[in-house]
Amino acid sequence: LYCHGDYDKVCFAPEYWGKDAYNILVWLVFIVMSLISPFVLGDAEMFIEADPMMSPVHIVPEWYFLFAYAILRAIPNKILGVIALLMSIVIFYFFAFVNNYTSSLVKLNKLLVFSFIVGSVVLSWLGQCLVEDPFTLLSVIFSLLYFGLASTLLFVFMFSKKLFE
């Protein structure tokens, strides 16, 4: 091993003791806070009595499905809404075939991907909003933008090699 002395060895004990003590202190503060006042970190709506005949207006899915929920709410037809919801998730599997590193249209690809991400974030925000007038119209617009950008990205990838060969 060619270790002939202690000059190239490092003592890790003070650093590990400090990091472990800090972690234990943070967890102890959290445990003590949750034992002293357990409802501080909870939601106030947890104490409202449930009504089996009415679902709450503010109910939304988890954050990673909010964009799909906004697309589902944007389409009034139930069957088409479910198909659009499934297609909004299946689109991500089509992106596995896209290799933008070999494309000649690098700046266009960056613009389209950035626009797609911004549109998805706005759709996620619209998915958690109430079903009211400006939000429903914006959901329709951004749903069309979402599918339009996704199909444009796939189109640019498919034909960029054929156009520039």
N, C-alpha and C. Protein backbone atom coordinates (compact mmCIF):
# COMPACT_ATOMS: atom_id res chain seq x y z
N LEU A 1 0.82 -1.20 0.00
CA LEU A 1 0.00 0.00 0.00
C LEU A 1 0.85 1.26 0.00
N TYR A 2 2.10 1.14 0.31
CA TYR A 2 3.05 2.24 0.31
C TYR A 2 2.68 3.35 1.30
N CYS A 3 2.12 2.97 2.44
CA CYS A 3 1.86 3.92 3.52
C CYS A 3 2.97 3.75 4.54
N HIS A 4 3.96 4.61 4.50
CA HIS A 4 5.12 4.46 5.35
C HIS A 4 5.04 5.31 6.61
N GLY A 5 4.02 6.11 6.75
CA GLY A 5 3.93 6.94 7.93
C GLY A 5 2.53 7.50 8.10
N ASP A 6 2.39 8.34 9.14
CA ASP A 6 1.09 8.95 9.44
C ASP A 6 0.91 10.30 8.77
N TYR A 7 1.83 10.74 7.97
CA TYR A 7 1.75 12.07 7.38
C TYR A 7 0.68 12.18 6.29
N ASP A 8 0.26 11.08 5.67
CA ASP A 8 -0.76 11.13 4.62
C ASP A 8 -2.10 10.58 5.07
N LYS A 9 -2.28 10.43 6.37
CA LYS A 9 -3.55 9.95 6.91
C LYS A 9 -4.34 11.13 7.46
N VAL A 10 -5.69 11.04 7.36
CA VAL A 10 -6.56 12.11 7.83
C VAL A 10 -7.47 11.53 8.90
N CYS A 11 -7.64 12.24 9.98
CA CYS A 11 -8.53 11.81 11.06
C CYS A 11 -9.92 12.36 10.79
N PHE A 12 -10.87 11.47 10.56
CA PHE A 12 -12.22 11.90 10.22
C PHE A 12 -13.14 12.02 11.44
N ALA A 13 -12.66 11.68 12.61
CA ALA A 13 -13.52 11.64 13.79
C ALA A 13 -14.18 12.98 14.12
N PRO A 14 -13.48 14.12 14.13
CA PRO A 14 -14.19 15.36 14.50
C PRO A 14 -15.27 15.75 13.49
N GLU A 15 -15.02 15.52 12.21
CA GLU A 15 -16.02 15.89 11.21
C GLU A 15 -17.27 15.01 11.33
N TYR A 16 -17.06 13.70 11.49
CA TYR A 16 -18.21 12.81 11.61
C TYR A 16 -18.99 13.07 12.89
N TRP A 17 -18.28 13.32 14.00
CA TRP A 17 -18.98 13.63 15.23
C TRP A 17 -19.79 14.91 15.09
N GLY A 18 -19.25 15.89 14.43
CA GLY A 18 -19.98 17.15 14.25
C GLY A 18 -21.21 16.98 13.37
N LYS A 19 -21.05 16.27 12.27
CA LYS A 19 -22.20 16.05 11.37
C LYS A 19 -23.28 15.22 12.05
N ASP A 20 -22.89 14.17 12.76
CA ASP A 20 -23.87 13.32 13.43
C ASP A 20 -24.58 14.08 14.55
N ALA A 21 -23.82 14.88 15.29
CA ALA A 21 -24.45 15.66 16.36
C ALA A 21 -25.44 16.67 15.79
N TYR A 22 -25.10 17.29 14.67
CA TYR A 22 -26.01 18.24 14.04
C TYR A 22 -27.29 17.53 13.58
N ASN A 23 -27.18 16.37 12.95
CA ASN A 23 -28.36 15.62 12.51
C ASN A 23 -29.23 15.19 13.69
N ILE A 24 -28.60 14.71 14.74
CA ILE A 24 -29.37 14.29 15.91
C ILE A 24 -30.08 15.49 16.52
N LEU A 25 -29.42 16.64 16.58
CA LEU A 25 -30.04 17.84 17.13
C LEU A 25 -31.25 18.28 16.31
N VAL A 26 -31.13 18.25 14.99
CA VAL A 26 -32.27 18.64 14.13
C VAL A 26 -33.43 17.69 14.33
N TRP A 27 -33.16 16.39 14.36
CA TRP A 27 -34.25 15.42 14.54
C TRP A 27 -34.87 15.53 15.92
N LEU A 28 -34.06 15.79 16.94
CA LEU A 28 -34.63 15.96 18.27
C LEU A 28 -35.53 17.19 18.35
N VAL A 29 -35.13 18.28 17.72
CA VAL A 29 -35.98 19.47 17.68
C VAL A 29 -37.30 19.15 16.98
N PHE A 30 -37.24 18.43 15.88
CA PHE A 30 -38.47 18.06 15.17
C PHE A 30 -39.35 17.15 16.02
N ILE A 31 -38.75 16.16 16.70
CA ILE A 31 -39.55 15.24 17.52
C ILE A 31 -40.16 15.97 18.70
N VAL A 32 -39.39 16.84 19.35
CA VAL A 32 -39.93 17.59 20.49
C VAL A 32 -41.05 18.52 20.03
N MET A 33 -40.87 19.17 18.87
CA MET A 33 -41.91 20.06 18.36
C MET A 33 -43.19 19.26 18.02
N SER A 34 -43.03 18.08 17.44
CA SER A 34 -44.22 17.30 17.09
C SER A 34 -44.87 16.69 18.33
N LEU A 35 -44.12 16.49 19.42
CA LEU A 35 -44.73 15.98 20.64
C LEU A 35 -45.42 17.07 21.44
N ILE A 36 -44.86 18.28 21.43
CA ILE A 36 -45.45 19.38 22.20
C ILE A 36 -46.70 19.91 21.51
N SER A 37 -46.61 20.19 20.21
CA SER A 37 -47.77 20.69 19.47
C SER A 37 -47.91 19.90 18.17
N PRO A 38 -48.60 18.78 18.20
CA PRO A 38 -48.63 17.88 17.04
C PRO A 38 -49.45 18.41 15.85
N PHE A 39 -50.33 19.37 16.05
CA PHE A 39 -51.20 19.82 14.96
C PHE A 39 -50.68 21.06 14.25
N VAL A 40 -49.50 21.53 14.60
CA VAL A 40 -48.94 22.72 13.96
C VAL A 40 -48.61 22.41 12.50
N LEU A 41 -48.07 21.24 12.24
CA LEU A 41 -47.66 20.89 10.88
C LEU A 41 -48.79 20.31 10.04
N GLY A 42 -49.95 20.12 10.62
CA GLY A 42 -51.07 19.53 9.89
C GLY A 42 -51.89 20.56 9.14
N ASP A 43 -52.85 20.06 8.39
CA ASP A 43 -53.74 20.91 7.62
C ASP A 43 -55.01 21.16 8.44
N ALA A 44 -55.50 22.38 8.41
CA ALA A 44 -56.70 22.72 9.19
C ALA A 44 -57.94 21.99 8.69
N GLU A 45 -57.94 21.61 7.42
CA GLU A 45 -59.11 20.94 6.86
C GLU A 45 -59.21 19.48 7.27
N MET A 46 -58.21 18.99 7.98
CA MET A 46 -58.27 17.62 8.48
C MET A 46 -59.31 17.48 9.60
N PHE A 47 -59.73 18.60 10.18
CA PHE A 47 -60.66 18.56 11.30
C PHE A 47 -62.10 18.83 10.88
N ILE A 48 -62.33 19.04 9.59
CA ILE A 48 -63.70 19.22 9.10
C ILE A 48 -64.35 17.85 8.96
N GLU A 49 -65.57 17.75 9.45
CA GLU A 49 -66.27 16.46 9.40
C GLU A 49 -66.60 16.10 7.95
N ALA A 50 -66.39 14.86 7.60
CA ALA A 50 -66.59 14.40 6.23
C ALA A 50 -68.07 14.32 5.89
N ASP A 51 -68.40 14.75 4.68
CA ASP A 51 -69.75 14.65 4.16
C ASP A 51 -69.73 13.65 3.00
N PRO A 52 -70.35 12.48 3.16
CA PRO A 52 -70.26 11.46 2.10
C PRO A 52 -71.03 11.82 0.84
N MET A 53 -71.90 12.82 0.91
CA MET A 53 -72.71 13.18 -0.26
C MET A 53 -72.05 14.27 -1.11
N MET A 54 -70.93 14.82 -0.66
CA MET A 54 -70.31 15.92 -1.40
C MET A 54 -68.79 15.77 -1.35
N SER A 55 -68.18 15.88 -2.51
CA SER A 55 -66.71 15.85 -2.53
C SER A 55 -66.20 17.28 -2.46
N PRO A 56 -65.06 17.50 -1.87
CA PRO A 56 -64.54 18.86 -1.75
C PRO A 56 -64.18 19.46 -3.10
N VAL A 57 -64.28 20.78 -3.20
CA VAL A 57 -64.00 21.47 -4.45
C VAL A 57 -62.49 21.51 -4.71
N HIS A 58 -61.72 21.59 -3.66
CA HIS A 58 -60.29 21.80 -3.79
C HIS A 58 -59.50 20.51 -3.98
N ILE A 59 -60.15 19.39 -4.16
CA ILE A 59 -59.43 18.12 -4.27
C ILE A 59 -58.64 18.08 -5.57
N VAL A 60 -57.36 17.77 -5.48
CA VAL A 60 -56.48 17.69 -6.65
C VAL A 60 -55.58 16.47 -6.49
N PRO A 61 -55.05 15.96 -7.59
CA PRO A 61 -54.11 14.84 -7.48
C PRO A 61 -52.74 15.31 -6.99
N GLU A 62 -51.81 14.39 -6.93
CA GLU A 62 -50.45 14.74 -6.52
C GLU A 62 -49.82 15.68 -7.54
N TRP A 63 -48.76 16.35 -7.15
CA TRP A 63 -48.15 17.40 -7.97
C TRP A 63 -47.64 16.88 -9.30
N TYR A 64 -47.22 15.63 -9.37
CA TYR A 64 -46.64 15.13 -10.62
C TYR A 64 -47.70 14.74 -11.63
N PHE A 65 -48.98 14.74 -11.27
CA PHE A 65 -50.05 14.50 -12.23
C PHE A 65 -50.93 15.73 -12.45
N LEU A 66 -50.53 16.88 -11.96
CA LEU A 66 -51.36 18.08 -12.10
C LEU A 66 -51.51 18.51 -13.56
N PHE A 67 -50.45 18.39 -14.38
CA PHE A 67 -50.56 18.77 -15.79
C PHE A 67 -51.57 17.87 -16.50
N ALA A 68 -51.56 16.57 -16.19
CA ALA A 68 -52.51 15.65 -16.81
C ALA A 68 -53.94 15.93 -16.33
N TYR A 69 -54.08 16.33 -15.07
CA TYR A 69 -55.39 16.66 -14.53
C TYR A 69 -55.95 17.92 -15.19
N ALA A 70 -55.08 18.88 -15.48
CA ALA A 70 -55.52 20.09 -16.19
C ALA A 70 -55.98 19.75 -17.60
N ILE A 71 -55.28 18.83 -18.26
CA ILE A 71 -55.70 18.40 -19.60
C ILE A 71 -57.02 17.65 -19.53
N LEU A 72 -57.20 16.83 -18.51
CA LEU A 72 -58.47 16.10 -18.34
C LEU A 72 -59.63 17.05 -18.12
N ARG A 73 -59.42 18.10 -17.33
CA ARG A 73 -60.50 19.06 -17.08
C ARG A 73 -60.76 19.98 -18.26
N ALA A 74 -59.78 20.13 -19.17
CA ALA A 74 -59.94 21.05 -20.29
C ALA A 74 -60.87 20.50 -21.36
N ILE A 75 -61.04 19.19 -21.41
CA ILE A 75 -61.85 18.57 -22.46
C ILE A 75 -63.19 18.17 -21.85
N PRO A 76 -64.30 18.69 -22.37
CA PRO A 76 -65.60 18.40 -21.75
C PRO A 76 -66.09 16.97 -21.99
N ASN A 77 -65.68 16.34 -23.08
CA ASN A 77 -66.09 14.97 -23.36
C ASN A 77 -65.26 14.01 -22.49
N LYS A 78 -65.92 13.09 -21.78
CA LYS A 78 -65.21 12.24 -20.84
C LYS A 78 -64.26 11.28 -21.53
N ILE A 79 -64.70 10.65 -22.61
CA ILE A 79 -63.85 9.67 -23.29
C ILE A 79 -62.64 10.36 -23.90
N LEU A 80 -62.86 11.49 -24.58
CA LEU A 80 -61.73 12.20 -25.17
C LEU A 80 -60.80 12.77 -24.10
N GLY A 81 -61.37 13.16 -22.97
CA GLY A 81 -60.54 13.66 -21.87
C GLY A 81 -59.64 12.59 -21.31
N VAL A 82 -60.16 11.38 -21.15
CA VAL A 82 -59.34 10.28 -20.64
C VAL A 82 -58.27 9.88 -21.66
N ILE A 83 -58.62 9.90 -22.94
CA ILE A 83 -57.64 9.59 -23.99
C ILE A 83 -56.53 10.65 -24.00
N ALA A 84 -56.92 11.92 -23.87
CA ALA A 84 -55.92 12.98 -23.84
C ALA A 84 -55.05 12.88 -22.59
N LEU A 85 -55.66 12.51 -21.47
CA LEU A 85 -54.89 12.31 -20.24
C LEU A 85 -53.86 11.21 -20.42
N LEU A 86 -54.26 10.09 -21.00
CA LEU A 86 -53.32 8.99 -21.23
C LEU A 86 -52.25 9.37 -22.24
N MET A 87 -52.63 10.10 -23.28
CA MET A 87 -51.66 10.51 -24.28
C MET A 87 -50.66 11.52 -23.72
N SER A 88 -51.10 12.34 -22.76
CA SER A 88 -50.17 13.31 -22.17
C SER A 88 -49.08 12.61 -21.38
N ILE A 89 -49.35 11.42 -20.89
CA ILE A 89 -48.34 10.66 -20.16
C ILE A 89 -47.56 9.77 -21.12
N VAL A 90 -48.21 9.22 -22.14
CA VAL A 90 -47.54 8.35 -23.11
C VAL A 90 -46.54 9.13 -23.96
N ILE A 91 -46.76 10.43 -24.10
CA ILE A 91 -45.84 11.27 -24.88
C ILE A 91 -44.42 11.18 -24.33
N PHE A 92 -44.29 11.05 -23.01
CA PHE A 92 -42.96 10.96 -22.42
C PHE A 92 -42.22 9.71 -22.90
N TYR A 93 -42.94 8.64 -23.22
CA TYR A 93 -42.29 7.43 -23.73
C TYR A 93 -41.81 7.65 -25.16
N PHE A 94 -42.48 8.49 -25.92
CA PHE A 94 -42.02 8.80 -27.28
C PHE A 94 -40.74 9.63 -27.25
N PHE A 95 -40.57 10.43 -26.21
CA PHE A 95 -39.37 11.25 -26.10
C PHE A 95 -38.12 10.41 -25.87
N ALA A 96 -38.29 9.16 -25.47
CA ALA A 96 -37.12 8.29 -25.30
C ALA A 96 -36.44 8.02 -26.64
N PHE A 97 -37.18 8.12 -27.73
CA PHE A 97 -36.62 7.88 -29.05
C PHE A 97 -35.98 9.12 -29.65
N VAL A 98 -36.18 10.27 -29.02
CA VAL A 98 -35.64 11.52 -29.55
C VAL A 98 -34.21 11.68 -29.07
N ASN A 99 -33.31 11.86 -30.01
CA ASN A 99 -31.91 12.11 -29.70
C ASN A 99 -31.55 13.47 -30.27
N ASN A 100 -31.70 14.50 -29.46
CA ASN A 100 -31.48 15.86 -29.93
C ASN A 100 -30.00 16.19 -30.09
N TYR A 101 -29.12 15.34 -29.60
CA TYR A 101 -27.70 15.64 -29.70
C TYR A 101 -27.18 15.50 -31.12
N THR A 102 -27.89 14.73 -31.94
CA THR A 102 -27.43 14.54 -33.32
C THR A 102 -28.14 15.47 -34.28
N SER A 103 -29.01 16.33 -33.80
CA SER A 103 -29.78 17.19 -34.68
C SER A 103 -28.96 18.41 -35.11
N SER A 104 -29.26 18.89 -36.29
CA SER A 104 -28.62 20.11 -36.78
C SER A 104 -29.34 21.36 -36.28
N LEU A 105 -30.51 21.19 -35.75
CA LEU A 105 -31.33 22.32 -35.30
C LEU A 105 -31.25 22.45 -33.78
N VAL A 106 -30.07 22.72 -33.27
CA VAL A 106 -29.85 22.73 -31.83
C VAL A 106 -30.62 23.87 -31.17
N LYS A 107 -30.57 25.07 -31.75
CA LYS A 107 -31.24 26.21 -31.14
C LYS A 107 -32.76 26.05 -31.17
N LEU A 108 -33.28 25.49 -32.26
CA LEU A 108 -34.72 25.24 -32.34
C LEU A 108 -35.14 24.19 -31.32
N ASN A 109 -34.33 23.15 -31.16
CA ASN A 109 -34.64 22.11 -30.17
C ASN A 109 -34.63 22.68 -28.76
N LYS A 110 -33.65 23.54 -28.45
CA LYS A 110 -33.61 24.15 -27.12
C LYS A 110 -34.83 25.02 -26.87
N LEU A 111 -35.23 25.77 -27.87
CA LEU A 111 -36.42 26.62 -27.74
C LEU A 111 -37.67 25.77 -27.53
N LEU A 112 -37.80 24.70 -28.31
CA LEU A 112 -38.99 23.85 -28.20
C LEU A 112 -39.03 23.13 -26.85
N VAL A 113 -37.90 22.62 -26.39
CA VAL A 113 -37.87 21.92 -25.10
C VAL A 113 -38.15 22.89 -23.97
N PHE A 114 -37.57 24.10 -24.02
CA PHE A 114 -37.83 25.10 -22.99
C PHE A 114 -39.32 25.49 -23.00
N SER A 115 -39.90 25.67 -24.17
CA SER A 115 -41.32 26.02 -24.26
C SER A 115 -42.19 24.88 -23.74
N PHE A 116 -41.80 23.64 -24.02
CA PHE A 116 -42.55 22.49 -23.54
C PHE A 116 -42.51 22.41 -22.01
N ILE A 117 -41.35 22.67 -21.42
CA ILE A 117 -41.23 22.64 -19.96
C ILE A 117 -42.04 23.76 -19.33
N VAL A 118 -41.98 24.95 -19.90
CA VAL A 118 -42.76 26.08 -19.36
C VAL A 118 -44.26 25.79 -19.49
N GLY A 119 -44.67 25.25 -20.63
CA GLY A 119 -46.08 24.88 -20.80
C GLY A 119 -46.52 23.82 -19.82
N SER A 120 -45.66 22.86 -19.52
CA SER A 120 -46.00 21.82 -18.54
C SER A 120 -46.12 22.39 -17.13
N VAL A 121 -45.25 23.34 -16.80
CA VAL A 121 -45.32 23.97 -15.48
C VAL A 121 -46.60 24.80 -15.35
N VAL A 122 -46.95 25.52 -16.40
CA VAL A 122 -48.19 26.32 -16.36
C VAL A 122 -49.40 25.39 -16.29
N LEU A 123 -49.37 24.28 -17.03
CA LEU A 123 -50.46 23.31 -16.93
C LEU A 123 -50.57 22.72 -15.53
N SER A 124 -49.44 22.48 -14.90
CA SER A 124 -49.47 21.97 -13.52
C SER A 124 -50.08 23.01 -12.58
N TRP A 125 -49.75 24.27 -12.79
CA TRP A 125 -50.36 25.32 -11.96
C TRP A 125 -51.86 25.39 -12.22
N LEU A 126 -52.26 25.27 -13.48
CA LEU A 126 -53.69 25.32 -13.81
C LEU A 126 -54.43 24.10 -13.26
N GLY A 127 -53.74 22.99 -13.11
CA GLY A 127 -54.37 21.79 -12.57
C GLY A 127 -54.76 21.93 -11.12
N GLN A 128 -54.07 22.76 -10.36
CA GLN A 128 -54.42 22.94 -8.96
C GLN A 128 -55.35 24.12 -8.73
N CYS A 129 -55.64 24.90 -9.78
CA CYS A 129 -56.57 26.02 -9.64
C CYS A 129 -58.02 25.53 -9.64
N LEU A 130 -58.90 26.38 -9.17
CA LEU A 130 -60.33 26.04 -9.16
C LEU A 130 -60.88 26.03 -10.58
N VAL A 131 -62.00 25.36 -10.75
CA VAL A 131 -62.64 25.31 -12.07
C VAL A 131 -63.48 26.57 -12.22
N GLU A 132 -62.82 27.64 -12.67
CA GLU A 132 -63.47 28.92 -12.89
C GLU A 132 -63.13 29.41 -14.28
N ASP A 133 -63.70 30.56 -14.63
CA ASP A 133 -63.66 31.02 -16.01
C ASP A 133 -62.27 31.24 -16.59
N PRO A 134 -61.38 32.01 -16.02
CA PRO A 134 -60.11 32.18 -16.76
C PRO A 134 -59.26 30.91 -16.76
N PHE A 135 -59.36 30.10 -15.72
CA PHE A 135 -58.50 28.92 -15.62
C PHE A 135 -58.92 27.83 -16.60
N THR A 136 -60.21 27.69 -16.86
CA THR A 136 -60.64 26.67 -17.81
C THR A 136 -60.22 27.02 -19.23
N LEU A 137 -60.33 28.29 -19.58
CA LEU A 137 -59.89 28.72 -20.92
C LEU A 137 -58.37 28.57 -21.07
N LEU A 138 -57.63 28.94 -20.02
CA LEU A 138 -56.18 28.77 -20.08
C LEU A 138 -55.78 27.31 -20.14
N SER A 139 -56.55 26.43 -19.49
CA SER A 139 -56.26 25.00 -19.56
C SER A 139 -56.42 24.48 -20.97
N VAL A 140 -57.43 24.94 -21.67
CA VAL A 140 -57.63 24.52 -23.06
C VAL A 140 -56.48 25.02 -23.93
N ILE A 141 -56.11 26.28 -23.75
CA ILE A 141 -55.03 26.85 -24.57
C ILE A 141 -53.71 26.13 -24.32
N PHE A 142 -53.37 25.92 -23.07
CA PHE A 142 -52.09 25.29 -22.77
C PHE A 142 -52.10 23.79 -23.04
N SER A 143 -53.28 23.17 -23.04
CA SER A 143 -53.35 21.76 -23.46
C SER A 143 -53.05 21.64 -24.95
N LEU A 144 -53.61 22.54 -25.74
CA LEU A 144 -53.30 22.54 -27.17
C LEU A 144 -51.82 22.85 -27.40
N LEU A 145 -51.28 23.78 -26.63
CA LEU A 145 -49.86 24.11 -26.74
C LEU A 145 -48.98 22.92 -26.35
N TYR A 146 -49.39 22.20 -25.32
CA TYR A 146 -48.64 21.02 -24.85
C TYR A 146 -48.55 19.96 -25.96
N PHE A 147 -49.69 19.61 -26.53
CA PHE A 147 -49.69 18.58 -27.58
C PHE A 147 -49.05 19.11 -28.86
N GLY A 148 -49.23 20.40 -29.14
CA GLY A 148 -48.60 20.97 -30.33
C GLY A 148 -47.08 20.98 -30.22
N LEU A 149 -46.56 21.36 -29.06
CA LEU A 149 -45.11 21.36 -28.88
C LEU A 149 -44.54 19.95 -28.88
N ALA A 150 -45.26 19.01 -28.28
CA ALA A 150 -44.77 17.63 -28.27
C ALA A 150 -44.71 17.06 -29.68
N SER A 151 -45.76 17.29 -30.47
CA SER A 151 -45.73 16.78 -31.85
C SER A 151 -44.71 17.53 -32.70
N THR A 152 -44.50 18.83 -32.44
CA THR A 152 -43.48 19.58 -33.17
C THR A 152 -42.08 19.07 -32.83
N LEU A 153 -41.84 18.76 -31.56
CA LEU A 153 -40.55 18.21 -31.18
C LEU A 153 -40.28 16.88 -31.88
N LEU A 154 -41.28 16.03 -31.90
CA LEU A 154 -41.11 14.73 -32.58
C LEU A 154 -40.96 14.91 -34.08
N PHE A 155 -41.69 15.85 -34.67
CA PHE A 155 -41.59 16.12 -36.11
C PHE A 155 -40.21 16.65 -36.47
N VAL A 156 -39.69 17.58 -35.67
CA VAL A 156 -38.37 18.15 -35.94
C VAL A 156 -37.31 17.07 -35.84
N PHE A 157 -37.43 16.19 -34.88
CA PHE A 157 -36.44 15.12 -34.76
C PHE A 157 -36.52 14.17 -35.95
N MET A 158 -37.73 13.80 -36.36
CA MET A 158 -37.88 12.81 -37.43
C MET A 158 -37.34 13.33 -38.76
N PHE A 159 -37.54 14.62 -39.02
CA PHE A 159 -37.21 15.13 -40.35
C PHE A 159 -35.94 15.99 -40.38
N SER A 160 -35.30 16.23 -39.24
CA SER A 160 -34.09 17.05 -39.28
C SER A 160 -32.93 16.32 -39.95
N LYS A 161 -32.86 15.02 -39.76
CA LYS A 161 -31.79 14.26 -40.41
C LYS A 161 -32.02 14.18 -41.91
N LYS A 162 -33.28 14.06 -42.32
CA LYS A 162 -33.58 13.95 -43.75
C LYS A 162 -33.41 15.30 -44.45
N LEU A 163 -33.68 16.40 -43.73
CA LEU A 163 -33.56 17.71 -44.35
C LEU A 163 -32.12 18.16 -44.54
N PHE A 164 -31.24 17.76 -43.61
CA PHE A 164 -29.87 18.29 -43.64
C PHE A 164 -28.84 17.25 -44.04
N GLU A 165 -29.22 16.16 -44.66
CA GLU A 165 -28.23 15.18 -45.14
C GLU A 165 -27.77 15.49 -46.51
